[in-house]
């Protein structure tokens, strides 16, 4: 690279600083999950979360949530909506009414969870008899692209790990 090329690219750099959160300044891709939780009044709540992730190699997951929700200390369910279910995730993000209810949740199709006290979005599925490329092609993963966008992931490739790589 020539000196002229080097200085041209340097002028395109932007200092982010840390006085404000930097997460809205560059794109991030993460799966969009819908978290289900039982509230104090025994009703179920569903809310979309884009900061949901596995926590280690065991069957543990975590997500960022307001301390006002019961899921912060209790049992919760995790649904991964399909690309065609973006409207469901949007409805789950509706604010509570004055009666502390979310009428939009009545429009969502759910089913009872089998191993936790909660509900799951209907039709969020994974087929263990098919390879990942086929599953994603037929059932695209709904992904959140911060800030404020979404995408369907349907075309995937196997990562070319080095032969010596281990987890």
N, C-alpha and C. Protein backbone atom coordinates (compact mmCIF):
# COMPACT_ATOMS: atom_id res chain seq x y z
N UNK A 1 0.85 -1.16 0.00
CA UNK A 1 0.00 0.00 0.00
C UNK A 1 0.90 1.23 0.00
N UNK A 2 0.60 2.19 -0.82
CA UNK A 2 1.40 3.41 -0.89
C UNK A 2 1.06 4.35 0.27
N UNK A 3 1.91 5.34 0.48
CA UNK A 3 1.68 6.33 1.53
C UNK A 3 0.35 7.05 1.30
N UNK A 4 0.04 7.35 0.03
CA UNK A 4 -1.22 8.05 -0.28
C UNK A 4 -2.41 7.17 0.08
N UNK A 5 -2.33 5.87 -0.23
CA UNK A 5 -3.42 4.96 0.11
C UNK A 5 -3.61 4.89 1.62
N UNK A 6 -2.51 4.85 2.36
CA UNK A 6 -2.56 4.75 3.81
C UNK A 6 -3.26 5.96 4.42
N UNK A 7 -2.94 7.15 3.98
CA UNK A 7 -3.55 8.34 4.57
C UNK A 7 -5.02 8.45 4.17
N UNK A 8 -5.39 7.98 2.97
CA UNK A 8 -6.79 8.03 2.57
C UNK A 8 -7.65 7.15 3.47
N UNK A 9 -7.14 5.96 3.79
CA UNK A 9 -7.94 5.07 4.62
C UNK A 9 -7.99 5.58 6.06
N UNK A 10 -6.95 6.25 6.52
CA UNK A 10 -6.93 6.77 7.89
C UNK A 10 -7.98 7.85 8.09
N UNK A 11 -8.29 8.62 7.06
CA UNK A 11 -9.28 9.69 7.20
C UNK A 11 -10.68 9.13 7.32
N UNK A 12 -10.90 7.85 7.02
CA UNK A 12 -12.23 7.26 7.10
C UNK A 12 -12.49 6.62 8.46
N UNK A 13 -11.49 6.60 9.33
CA UNK A 13 -11.67 6.03 10.66
C UNK A 13 -12.49 6.99 11.52
N UNK A 14 -13.34 6.42 12.38
CA UNK A 14 -14.17 7.22 13.26
C UNK A 14 -13.88 6.79 14.70
N UNK A 15 -13.51 7.73 15.54
CA UNK A 15 -13.29 7.43 16.95
C UNK A 15 -14.65 7.28 17.63
N UNK A 16 -14.88 6.15 18.29
CA UNK A 16 -16.18 5.91 18.90
C UNK A 16 -16.32 6.54 20.27
N UNK A 17 -15.27 6.52 21.05
CA UNK A 17 -15.38 7.06 22.41
C UNK A 17 -16.21 6.12 23.27
N UNK A 18 -16.16 6.32 24.57
CA UNK A 18 -16.91 5.45 25.48
C UNK A 18 -17.87 6.22 26.38
N UNK A 19 -18.07 7.49 26.11
CA UNK A 19 -19.00 8.25 26.95
C UNK A 19 -20.46 7.87 26.68
N UNK A 20 -20.74 7.22 25.54
CA UNK A 20 -22.07 6.71 25.20
C UNK A 20 -21.89 5.26 24.74
N UNK A 21 -22.94 4.43 24.87
CA UNK A 21 -22.81 3.05 24.38
C UNK A 21 -22.45 3.03 22.89
N UNK A 22 -21.56 2.14 22.53
CA UNK A 22 -21.08 2.08 21.14
C UNK A 22 -21.90 1.12 20.28
N UNK A 23 -22.82 0.37 20.88
CA UNK A 23 -23.49 -0.72 20.17
C UNK A 23 -24.34 -0.26 19.00
N UNK A 24 -24.81 0.95 18.99
CA UNK A 24 -25.60 1.44 17.86
C UNK A 24 -24.73 2.05 16.77
N UNK A 25 -23.43 2.07 16.95
CA UNK A 25 -22.54 2.71 16.00
C UNK A 25 -22.02 1.78 14.91
N UNK A 26 -22.16 0.47 15.10
CA UNK A 26 -21.71 -0.47 14.08
C UNK A 26 -22.65 -1.66 14.07
N UNK A 27 -22.76 -2.35 12.94
CA UNK A 27 -23.73 -3.45 12.85
C UNK A 27 -23.32 -4.66 13.67
N UNK A 28 -24.32 -5.29 14.27
CA UNK A 28 -24.14 -6.54 14.99
C UNK A 28 -25.24 -7.48 14.52
N UNK A 29 -24.93 -8.73 14.35
CA UNK A 29 -25.92 -9.71 13.95
C UNK A 29 -26.08 -10.70 15.10
N UNK A 30 -27.31 -10.92 15.52
CA UNK A 30 -27.57 -11.89 16.58
C UNK A 30 -28.93 -12.52 16.34
N UNK A 31 -29.12 -13.77 16.79
CA UNK A 31 -30.44 -14.37 16.62
C UNK A 31 -31.47 -13.60 17.43
N UNK A 32 -32.66 -13.52 16.90
CA UNK A 32 -33.76 -12.88 17.63
C UNK A 32 -34.53 -13.98 18.33
N UNK A 33 -34.55 -13.95 19.64
CA UNK A 33 -35.27 -14.95 20.43
C UNK A 33 -36.49 -14.30 21.04
N UNK A 34 -37.51 -15.09 21.27
CA UNK A 34 -38.68 -14.63 22.01
C UNK A 34 -38.67 -15.39 23.33
N UNK A 35 -38.54 -14.64 24.40
CA UNK A 35 -38.43 -15.21 25.75
C UNK A 35 -39.81 -15.24 26.38
N UNK A 36 -40.18 -16.39 26.93
CA UNK A 36 -41.45 -16.54 27.63
C UNK A 36 -41.21 -16.66 29.12
N UNK A 37 -42.04 -16.02 29.89
CA UNK A 37 -41.89 -16.07 31.35
C UNK A 37 -43.25 -15.96 32.02
N UNK A 38 -43.37 -16.59 33.17
CA UNK A 38 -44.60 -16.45 33.96
C UNK A 38 -44.45 -15.21 34.83
N UNK A 39 -45.46 -14.38 34.81
CA UNK A 39 -45.43 -13.16 35.61
C UNK A 39 -45.98 -13.42 37.01
N UNK A 40 -45.88 -12.47 37.88
CA UNK A 40 -46.33 -12.62 39.27
C UNK A 40 -47.82 -12.92 39.37
N UNK A 41 -48.62 -12.45 38.40
CA UNK A 41 -50.06 -12.71 38.43
C UNK A 41 -50.43 -14.03 37.75
N UNK A 42 -49.46 -14.89 37.47
CA UNK A 42 -49.61 -16.20 36.84
C UNK A 42 -49.90 -16.15 35.34
N UNK A 43 -49.89 -14.97 34.75
CA UNK A 43 -50.03 -14.89 33.30
C UNK A 43 -48.67 -15.13 32.66
N UNK A 44 -48.69 -15.41 31.37
CA UNK A 44 -47.44 -15.59 30.63
C UNK A 44 -47.14 -14.34 29.83
N UNK A 45 -45.89 -13.99 29.77
CA UNK A 45 -45.45 -12.86 28.95
C UNK A 45 -44.46 -13.39 27.94
N UNK A 46 -44.44 -12.77 26.79
CA UNK A 46 -43.46 -13.07 25.75
C UNK A 46 -42.82 -11.75 25.34
N UNK A 47 -41.53 -11.77 25.14
CA UNK A 47 -40.83 -10.54 24.75
C UNK A 47 -39.64 -10.90 23.86
N UNK A 48 -39.45 -10.15 22.77
CA UNK A 48 -38.29 -10.42 21.91
C UNK A 48 -37.01 -9.92 22.55
N UNK A 49 -35.96 -10.68 22.38
CA UNK A 49 -34.64 -10.31 22.90
C UNK A 49 -33.61 -10.56 21.81
N UNK A 50 -32.78 -9.57 21.56
CA UNK A 50 -31.71 -9.79 20.58
C UNK A 50 -30.36 -9.98 21.27
N UNK A 51 -30.33 -9.82 22.56
CA UNK A 51 -29.10 -10.06 23.31
C UNK A 51 -29.27 -11.36 24.09
N UNK A 52 -29.58 -12.44 23.37
CA UNK A 52 -29.75 -13.78 23.93
C UNK A 52 -28.63 -14.65 23.38
N UNK A 53 -28.08 -15.50 24.25
CA UNK A 53 -26.93 -16.27 23.80
C UNK A 53 -26.74 -17.50 24.66
N UNK A 54 -25.99 -18.49 24.13
CA UNK A 54 -25.62 -19.63 24.97
C UNK A 54 -24.61 -19.17 26.03
N UNK A 55 -24.67 -19.81 27.17
CA UNK A 55 -23.75 -19.49 28.27
C UNK A 55 -22.89 -20.73 28.53
N UNK A 56 -21.84 -20.87 27.78
CA UNK A 56 -20.96 -22.02 27.93
C UNK A 56 -21.40 -23.17 27.04
N UNK A 57 -20.83 -24.34 27.31
CA UNK A 57 -21.09 -25.51 26.47
C UNK A 57 -22.23 -26.36 26.98
N UNK A 58 -22.74 -26.09 28.15
CA UNK A 58 -23.87 -26.85 28.70
C UNK A 58 -25.18 -26.26 28.18
N UNK A 59 -26.30 -26.79 28.65
CA UNK A 59 -27.61 -26.29 28.24
C UNK A 59 -28.03 -25.08 29.07
N UNK A 60 -27.26 -24.04 28.97
CA UNK A 60 -27.55 -22.80 29.69
C UNK A 60 -27.64 -21.67 28.67
N UNK A 61 -28.56 -20.79 28.90
CA UNK A 61 -28.66 -19.63 28.02
C UNK A 61 -28.92 -18.40 28.87
N UNK A 62 -28.64 -17.27 28.31
CA UNK A 62 -28.85 -16.02 29.01
C UNK A 62 -29.34 -14.96 28.06
N UNK A 63 -29.87 -13.92 28.61
CA UNK A 63 -30.34 -12.79 27.81
C UNK A 63 -30.37 -11.55 28.69
N UNK A 64 -30.38 -10.42 28.05
CA UNK A 64 -30.44 -9.16 28.78
C UNK A 64 -31.91 -8.78 28.92
N UNK A 65 -32.30 -8.47 30.14
CA UNK A 65 -33.70 -8.18 30.44
C UNK A 65 -33.78 -7.12 31.53
N UNK A 66 -34.88 -6.41 31.54
CA UNK A 66 -35.08 -5.44 32.60
C UNK A 66 -35.32 -6.16 33.92
N UNK A 67 -34.83 -5.65 35.04
CA UNK A 67 -35.05 -6.28 36.34
C UNK A 67 -36.53 -6.33 36.75
N UNK A 68 -37.39 -5.59 36.04
CA UNK A 68 -38.82 -5.60 36.37
C UNK A 68 -39.50 -6.90 35.96
N UNK A 69 -38.85 -7.72 35.13
CA UNK A 69 -39.48 -8.96 34.66
C UNK A 69 -39.11 -10.14 35.54
N UNK A 70 -40.05 -11.05 35.69
CA UNK A 70 -39.85 -12.22 36.54
C UNK A 70 -38.76 -13.14 36.02
N UNK A 71 -38.50 -13.13 34.73
CA UNK A 71 -37.52 -14.06 34.15
C UNK A 71 -36.11 -13.80 34.64
N UNK A 72 -35.86 -12.64 35.18
CA UNK A 72 -34.52 -12.34 35.64
C UNK A 72 -34.10 -13.26 36.78
N UNK A 73 -35.04 -13.84 37.49
CA UNK A 73 -34.70 -14.70 38.61
C UNK A 73 -35.36 -16.06 38.53
N UNK A 74 -36.12 -16.33 37.49
CA UNK A 74 -36.87 -17.58 37.46
C UNK A 74 -36.64 -18.38 36.20
N UNK A 75 -37.61 -19.20 35.91
CA UNK A 75 -37.58 -20.08 34.74
C UNK A 75 -38.12 -19.32 33.55
N UNK A 76 -37.53 -19.56 32.39
CA UNK A 76 -38.02 -18.92 31.18
C UNK A 76 -37.90 -19.88 30.01
N UNK A 77 -38.66 -19.61 28.96
CA UNK A 77 -38.58 -20.40 27.73
C UNK A 77 -37.93 -19.54 26.65
N UNK A 78 -37.36 -20.21 25.66
CA UNK A 78 -36.71 -19.52 24.56
C UNK A 78 -37.25 -20.08 23.24
N UNK A 79 -37.84 -19.23 22.44
CA UNK A 79 -38.29 -19.60 21.09
C UNK A 79 -37.44 -18.82 20.10
N UNK A 80 -37.07 -19.49 19.01
CA UNK A 80 -36.36 -18.81 17.94
C UNK A 80 -37.30 -18.73 16.76
N UNK A 81 -37.93 -17.57 16.55
CA UNK A 81 -38.92 -17.45 15.48
C UNK A 81 -38.29 -17.63 14.10
N UNK A 82 -39.08 -18.13 13.21
CA UNK A 82 -38.67 -18.25 11.82
C UNK A 82 -38.78 -16.87 11.18
N UNK A 83 -38.16 -16.72 10.02
CA UNK A 83 -38.22 -15.44 9.32
C UNK A 83 -39.63 -14.98 9.05
N UNK A 84 -40.53 -15.93 8.80
CA UNK A 84 -41.92 -15.57 8.52
C UNK A 84 -42.67 -15.11 9.76
N UNK A 85 -42.04 -15.21 10.95
CA UNK A 85 -42.70 -14.84 12.20
C UNK A 85 -42.23 -13.49 12.76
N UNK A 86 -41.66 -12.65 11.91
CA UNK A 86 -41.19 -11.36 12.41
C UNK A 86 -42.34 -10.55 13.00
N UNK A 87 -43.52 -10.69 12.46
CA UNK A 87 -44.68 -9.97 13.01
C UNK A 87 -44.97 -10.44 14.43
N UNK A 88 -44.81 -11.76 14.71
CA UNK A 88 -45.03 -12.27 16.06
C UNK A 88 -44.05 -11.64 17.03
N UNK A 89 -42.79 -11.56 16.63
CA UNK A 89 -41.78 -10.95 17.50
C UNK A 89 -42.10 -9.48 17.74
N UNK A 90 -42.60 -8.81 16.70
CA UNK A 90 -42.97 -7.41 16.84
C UNK A 90 -44.15 -7.25 17.80
N UNK A 91 -45.15 -8.11 17.68
CA UNK A 91 -46.30 -8.03 18.58
C UNK A 91 -45.89 -8.29 20.03
N UNK A 92 -44.93 -9.19 20.23
CA UNK A 92 -44.47 -9.49 21.58
C UNK A 92 -43.73 -8.30 22.20
N UNK A 93 -43.27 -7.37 21.37
CA UNK A 93 -42.56 -6.21 21.90
C UNK A 93 -43.51 -5.08 22.31
N UNK A 94 -44.81 -5.27 22.12
CA UNK A 94 -45.78 -4.22 22.46
C UNK A 94 -45.70 -3.89 23.94
N UNK A 95 -45.86 -2.62 24.27
CA UNK A 95 -45.82 -2.24 25.70
C UNK A 95 -47.09 -2.72 26.42
N UNK A 96 -47.02 -2.75 27.70
CA UNK A 96 -48.18 -3.13 28.52
C UNK A 96 -49.17 -1.97 28.57
N UNK A 97 -50.43 -2.32 28.66
CA UNK A 97 -51.50 -1.32 28.80
C UNK A 97 -51.60 -0.87 30.25
N UNK A 98 -52.53 0.02 30.50
CA UNK A 98 -52.71 0.53 31.86
C UNK A 98 -53.05 -0.59 32.84
N UNK A 99 -53.73 -1.64 32.37
CA UNK A 99 -54.08 -2.77 33.23
C UNK A 99 -52.92 -3.73 33.40
N UNK A 100 -51.72 -3.36 32.94
CA UNK A 100 -50.51 -4.18 33.02
C UNK A 100 -50.65 -5.47 32.21
N UNK A 101 -51.37 -5.40 31.09
CA UNK A 101 -51.53 -6.56 30.21
C UNK A 101 -50.99 -6.21 28.83
N UNK A 102 -50.77 -7.25 28.03
CA UNK A 102 -50.33 -7.09 26.64
C UNK A 102 -51.35 -7.78 25.74
N UNK A 103 -52.41 -7.09 25.34
CA UNK A 103 -53.44 -7.72 24.51
C UNK A 103 -52.90 -8.31 23.20
N UNK A 104 -51.82 -7.77 22.68
CA UNK A 104 -51.26 -8.27 21.42
C UNK A 104 -50.80 -9.72 21.54
N UNK A 105 -50.49 -10.18 22.75
CA UNK A 105 -50.05 -11.56 22.93
C UNK A 105 -51.16 -12.56 22.57
N UNK A 106 -52.41 -12.12 22.65
CA UNK A 106 -53.53 -12.98 22.29
C UNK A 106 -53.53 -13.34 20.80
N UNK A 107 -52.80 -12.60 19.99
CA UNK A 107 -52.72 -12.87 18.55
C UNK A 107 -51.64 -13.87 18.20
N UNK A 108 -50.79 -14.22 19.17
CA UNK A 108 -49.70 -15.15 18.91
C UNK A 108 -50.15 -16.59 19.12
N UNK A 109 -49.69 -17.46 18.26
CA UNK A 109 -49.97 -18.88 18.40
C UNK A 109 -48.86 -19.50 19.24
N UNK A 110 -49.22 -20.03 20.40
CA UNK A 110 -48.23 -20.61 21.31
C UNK A 110 -48.62 -22.05 21.64
N UNK A 111 -47.70 -22.74 22.26
CA UNK A 111 -47.97 -24.08 22.79
C UNK A 111 -47.25 -24.20 24.12
N UNK A 112 -47.74 -25.08 24.99
CA UNK A 112 -47.08 -25.23 26.30
C UNK A 112 -45.67 -25.81 26.13
N UNK A 113 -44.77 -25.36 26.94
CA UNK A 113 -43.42 -25.93 26.97
C UNK A 113 -43.51 -27.30 27.64
N UNK A 114 -42.57 -28.18 27.31
CA UNK A 114 -42.62 -29.54 27.87
C UNK A 114 -41.71 -29.72 29.08
N UNK A 115 -40.69 -28.89 29.24
CA UNK A 115 -39.76 -29.09 30.36
C UNK A 115 -39.68 -27.88 31.28
N UNK A 116 -40.47 -26.86 31.04
CA UNK A 116 -40.46 -25.67 31.89
C UNK A 116 -41.89 -25.15 31.98
N UNK A 117 -42.17 -24.40 33.01
CA UNK A 117 -43.48 -23.80 33.18
C UNK A 117 -43.54 -22.55 32.32
N UNK A 118 -44.04 -22.71 31.10
CA UNK A 118 -44.09 -21.59 30.19
C UNK A 118 -44.68 -21.97 28.85
N UNK A 119 -44.62 -21.06 27.93
CA UNK A 119 -45.13 -21.28 26.58
C UNK A 119 -44.03 -20.97 25.57
N UNK A 120 -44.18 -21.56 24.40
CA UNK A 120 -43.27 -21.33 23.28
C UNK A 120 -44.07 -20.86 22.09
N UNK A 121 -43.43 -20.13 21.20
CA UNK A 121 -44.08 -19.79 19.94
C UNK A 121 -44.30 -21.08 19.16
N UNK A 122 -45.44 -21.21 18.56
CA UNK A 122 -45.72 -22.37 17.72
C UNK A 122 -44.91 -22.24 16.44
N UNK A 123 -44.48 -23.36 15.91
CA UNK A 123 -43.86 -23.43 14.59
C UNK A 123 -42.43 -22.91 14.53
N UNK A 124 -41.76 -22.76 15.69
CA UNK A 124 -40.32 -22.45 15.66
C UNK A 124 -39.63 -23.80 15.76
N UNK A 125 -39.11 -24.34 14.66
CA UNK A 125 -38.70 -25.74 14.65
C UNK A 125 -37.30 -25.97 14.13
N UNK A 126 -36.83 -27.15 14.47
CA UNK A 126 -35.53 -27.63 14.02
C UNK A 126 -35.72 -29.10 13.66
N UNK A 127 -35.21 -29.54 12.54
CA UNK A 127 -35.38 -30.91 12.09
C UNK A 127 -34.06 -31.65 12.25
N UNK A 128 -33.96 -32.56 13.24
CA UNK A 128 -32.69 -33.24 13.49
C UNK A 128 -32.28 -34.20 12.37
N UNK A 129 -33.20 -34.53 11.48
CA UNK A 129 -32.89 -35.47 10.39
C UNK A 129 -32.34 -34.78 9.15
N UNK A 130 -32.22 -33.47 9.19
CA UNK A 130 -31.74 -32.72 8.02
C UNK A 130 -30.49 -31.94 8.39
N UNK A 131 -29.65 -31.70 7.42
CA UNK A 131 -28.43 -30.94 7.64
C UNK A 131 -28.74 -29.46 7.85
N UNK A 132 -27.81 -28.74 8.49
CA UNK A 132 -28.03 -27.32 8.78
C UNK A 132 -28.34 -26.48 7.53
N UNK A 133 -27.67 -26.74 6.42
CA UNK A 133 -27.92 -25.93 5.22
C UNK A 133 -29.36 -26.07 4.76
N UNK A 134 -29.89 -27.30 4.77
CA UNK A 134 -31.29 -27.52 4.36
C UNK A 134 -32.28 -26.92 5.34
N UNK A 135 -31.97 -27.04 6.63
CA UNK A 135 -32.87 -26.48 7.65
C UNK A 135 -32.98 -24.98 7.49
N UNK A 136 -31.84 -24.30 7.36
CA UNK A 136 -31.86 -22.84 7.21
C UNK A 136 -32.52 -22.42 5.90
N UNK A 137 -32.33 -23.18 4.84
CA UNK A 137 -32.94 -22.83 3.56
C UNK A 137 -34.46 -22.87 3.64
N UNK A 138 -34.99 -23.89 4.34
CA UNK A 138 -36.45 -24.03 4.44
C UNK A 138 -37.06 -23.27 5.60
N UNK A 139 -36.30 -23.01 6.64
CA UNK A 139 -36.78 -22.34 7.85
C UNK A 139 -35.77 -21.28 8.26
N UNK A 140 -35.73 -20.17 7.55
CA UNK A 140 -34.68 -19.17 7.84
C UNK A 140 -34.75 -18.65 9.27
N UNK A 141 -33.58 -18.45 9.83
CA UNK A 141 -33.45 -17.92 11.18
C UNK A 141 -33.70 -16.41 11.14
N UNK A 142 -34.53 -15.95 12.03
CA UNK A 142 -34.78 -14.52 12.15
C UNK A 142 -33.65 -13.92 12.97
N UNK A 143 -32.94 -12.99 12.39
CA UNK A 143 -31.80 -12.36 13.05
C UNK A 143 -32.04 -10.87 13.20
N UNK A 144 -31.56 -10.35 14.31
CA UNK A 144 -31.66 -8.91 14.57
C UNK A 144 -30.33 -8.29 14.19
N UNK A 145 -30.39 -7.23 13.41
CA UNK A 145 -29.19 -6.49 13.02
C UNK A 145 -29.26 -5.13 13.70
N UNK A 146 -28.51 -5.00 14.77
CA UNK A 146 -28.53 -3.74 15.52
C UNK A 146 -27.83 -2.66 14.71
N UNK A 147 -28.38 -1.49 14.69
CA UNK A 147 -29.56 -1.04 15.42
C UNK A 147 -30.83 -1.06 14.56
N UNK A 148 -31.86 -1.75 15.03
CA UNK A 148 -33.20 -1.63 14.49
C UNK A 148 -33.53 -2.29 13.17
N UNK A 149 -32.81 -3.32 12.75
CA UNK A 149 -33.12 -4.00 11.49
C UNK A 149 -33.17 -5.49 11.74
N UNK A 150 -33.71 -6.22 10.77
CA UNK A 150 -33.71 -7.68 10.89
C UNK A 150 -33.42 -8.29 9.53
N UNK A 151 -33.10 -9.57 9.54
CA UNK A 151 -32.81 -10.29 8.30
C UNK A 151 -33.19 -11.75 8.51
N UNK A 152 -33.39 -12.45 7.42
CA UNK A 152 -33.61 -13.89 7.44
C UNK A 152 -32.31 -14.55 6.99
N UNK A 153 -31.79 -15.46 7.81
CA UNK A 153 -30.58 -16.19 7.44
C UNK A 153 -31.02 -17.52 6.85
N UNK A 154 -30.80 -17.69 5.57
CA UNK A 154 -31.21 -18.93 4.92
C UNK A 154 -30.08 -19.58 4.13
N UNK A 155 -29.05 -18.85 3.81
CA UNK A 155 -27.93 -19.39 3.04
C UNK A 155 -26.72 -19.44 3.96
N UNK A 156 -26.29 -20.65 4.31
CA UNK A 156 -25.18 -20.80 5.25
C UNK A 156 -24.10 -21.69 4.64
N UNK A 157 -22.90 -21.56 5.17
CA UNK A 157 -21.76 -22.38 4.75
C UNK A 157 -21.07 -22.92 6.00
N UNK A 158 -20.50 -24.10 5.88
CA UNK A 158 -19.74 -24.66 6.99
C UNK A 158 -18.48 -23.82 7.19
N UNK A 159 -18.13 -23.53 8.45
CA UNK A 159 -16.93 -22.75 8.73
C UNK A 159 -15.70 -23.62 8.52
N UNK A 160 -14.68 -23.12 7.84
CA UNK A 160 -13.49 -23.93 7.54
C UNK A 160 -12.49 -23.93 8.70
N UNK A 161 -12.83 -24.62 9.79
CA UNK A 161 -11.92 -24.69 10.93
C UNK A 161 -10.62 -25.36 10.53
N UNK A 162 -9.54 -24.91 11.14
CA UNK A 162 -8.23 -25.52 10.94
C UNK A 162 -8.28 -26.96 11.47
N UNK A 163 -7.54 -27.86 10.86
CA UNK A 163 -7.55 -29.28 11.27
C UNK A 163 -7.16 -29.45 12.73
N UNK A 164 -6.38 -28.54 13.31
CA UNK A 164 -5.95 -28.65 14.69
C UNK A 164 -6.87 -27.96 15.68
N UNK A 165 -7.96 -27.37 15.23
CA UNK A 165 -8.84 -26.61 16.09
C UNK A 165 -9.62 -27.53 17.02
N UNK A 166 -9.81 -27.08 18.25
CA UNK A 166 -10.71 -27.79 19.17
C UNK A 166 -11.41 -26.77 20.04
N UNK A 167 -12.58 -27.15 20.52
CA UNK A 167 -13.34 -26.21 21.35
C UNK A 167 -12.88 -26.34 22.72
